[in-house]
C-alpha atoms as a PDB file:
ATOM      1  CA  MET A   1       0.000   0.000   0.000  1.00  0.00           C
ATOM      2  CA  TYR A   2       2.825   2.375   0.892  1.00  0.00           C
ATOM      3  CA  LYS A   3       4.571   1.677  -2.410  1.00  0.00           C
ATOM      4  CA  SER A   4       1.461   2.419  -4.454  1.00  0.00           C
ATOM      5  CA  PHE A   5       0.851   5.605  -2.457  1.00  0.00           C
ATOM      6  CA  LYS A   6       4.450   6.655  -3.035  1.00  0.00           C
ATOM      7  CA  SER A   7       4.140   6.075  -6.793  1.00  0.00           C
ATOM      8  CA  ILE A   8       0.878   8.045  -6.903  1.00  0.00           C
ATOM      9  CA  ILE A   9       2.547  10.972  -5.152  1.00  0.00           C
ATOM     10  CA  LYS A  10       5.408  10.836  -7.641  1.00  0.00           C
ATOM     11  CA  ASN A  11       2.926  10.846 -10.484  1.00  0.00           C
ATOM     12  CA  GLN A  12       1.810  14.467 -10.567  1.00  0.00           C
ATOM     13  CA  LYS A  13      -1.401  13.703 -12.462  1.00  0.00           C
ATOM     14  CA  GLY A  14      -2.438  11.117  -9.887  1.00  0.00           C
ATOM     15  CA  ALA A  15      -1.697  13.506  -7.031  1.00  0.00           C
ATOM     16  CA  ILE A  16      -3.741  16.296  -8.592  1.00  0.00           C
ATOM     17  CA  GLU A  17      -6.657  13.931  -9.188  1.00  0.00           C
ATOM     18  CA  ASN A  18      -6.540  12.851  -5.540  1.00  0.00           C
ATOM     19  CA  ILE A  19      -6.510  16.461  -4.394  1.00  0.00           C
ATOM     20  CA  LEU A  20      -9.488  17.280  -6.625  1.00  0.00           C
ATOM     21  CA  VAL A  21     -11.412  14.285  -5.279  1.00  0.00           C
ATOM     22  CA  ALA A  22     -10.621  15.333  -1.715  1.00  0.00           C
ATOM     23  CA  ILE A  23     -11.811  18.896  -2.396  1.00  0.00           C
ATOM     24  CA  LEU A  24     -14.990  17.547  -3.998  1.00  0.00           C
ATOM     25  CA  LEU A  25     -15.686  15.348  -0.969  1.00  0.00           C
ATOM     26  CA  VAL A  26     -15.139  18.277   1.386  1.00  0.00           C
ATOM     27  CA  MET A  27     -17.544  20.414  -0.653  1.00  0.00           C
ATOM     28  CA  ILE A  28     -20.166  17.655  -0.591  1.00  0.00           C
ATOM     29  CA  GLY A  29     -19.715  17.281   3.168  1.00  0.00           C
ATOM     30  CA  VAL A  30     -20.090  21.005   3.803  1.00  0.00           C
ATOM     31  CA  GLY A  31     -23.157  21.166   1.554  1.00  0.00           C
ATOM     32  CA  ALA A  32     -24.733  18.204   3.351  1.00  0.00           C
ATOM     33  CA  PHE A  33     -24.055  19.800   6.739  1.00  0.00           C
ATOM     34  CA  ILE A  34     -25.621  23.103   5.658  1.00  0.00           C
ATOM     35  CA  ALA A  35     -28.656  21.309   4.229  1.00  0.00           C
ATOM     36  CA  TYR A  36     -29.064  19.271   7.429  1.00  0.00           C
ATOM     37  CA  SER A  37     -28.752  22.377   9.613  1.00  0.00           C
ATOM     38  CA  THR A  38     -31.370  24.220   7.561  1.00  0.00           C
ATOM     39  CA  TRP A  39     -33.724  21.244   7.654  1.00  0.00           C
ATOM     40  CA  MET A  40     -33.322  20.894  11.433  1.00  0.00           C
ATOM     41  CA  GLU A  41     -34.002  24.605  11.918  1.00  0.00           C
ATOM     42  CA  ASN A  42     -37.209  24.328   9.874  1.00  0.00           C
ATOM     43  CA  GLN A  43     -38.282  21.235  11.799  1.00  0.00           C
ATOM     44  CA  ASN A  44     -37.621  23.043  15.079  1.00  0.00           C
ATOM     45  CA  THR A  45     -39.814  25.953  13.983  1.00  0.00           C
ATOM     46  CA  ASN A  46     -42.594  23.593  12.878  1.00  0.00           C
ATOM     47  CA  VAL A  47     -42.548  21.726  16.192  1.00  0.00           C
ATOM     48  CA  LYS A  48     -42.686  24.989  18.148  1.00  0.00           C
ATOM     49  CA  ASN A  49     -45.659  26.210  16.108  1.00  0.00           C
ATOM     50  CA  GLU A  50     -47.550  22.931  16.433  1.00  0.00           C
ATOM     51  CA  THR A  51     -46.863  22.774  20.155  1.00  0.00           C
ATOM     52  CA  THR A  52     -48.121  26.323  20.636  1.00  0.00           C
ATOM     53  CA  ASN A  53     -51.287  25.492  18.696  1.00  0.00           C
ATOM     54  CA  VAL A  54     -51.960  22.343  20.718  1.00  0.00           C
ATOM     55  CA  ILE A  55     -51.371  24.127  24.019  1.00  0.00           C
ATOM     56  CA  SER A  56     -53.651  26.998  23.005  1.00  0.00           C
ATOM     57  CA  LYS A  57     -56.372  24.593  21.883  1.00  0.00           C
ATOM     58  CA  THR A  58     -56.087  22.594  25.105  1.00  0.00           C
ATOM     59  CA  LEU A  59     -56.273  25.730  27.260  1.00  0.00           C
ATOM     60  CA  ASN A  60     -59.328  26.960  25.306  1.00  0.00           C
ATOM     61  CA  ASP A  61     -61.050  23.579  25.703  1.00  0.00           C
ATOM     62  CA  THR A  62     -60.404  23.446  29.445  1.00  0.00           C
ATOM     63  CA  ASN A  63     -61.616  27.028  29.960  1.00  0.00           C
ATOM     64  CA  ASN A  64     -64.932  26.323  28.240  1.00  0.00           C
END
C-alpha cells in the first residue's frame, strides 16, 4: 500500500486527481451539513408552532 501511495505521489497527475477528489468530498460534506442544519431549523420551527397550537387549543377547551 505504501509503495502504491508513493508512486501516486510521484505521479503528478495522480496527485492532482486525488486532491481534486478530496476537495470535492469536502464540498459535498459542507453542503450536506448546511442542508441538514437548515432542515433541522425548519423542523424546530414547525414543532414549536404545532406545540403552541396544541397548548392553546387545550387551554381553550379546558376554559370552556
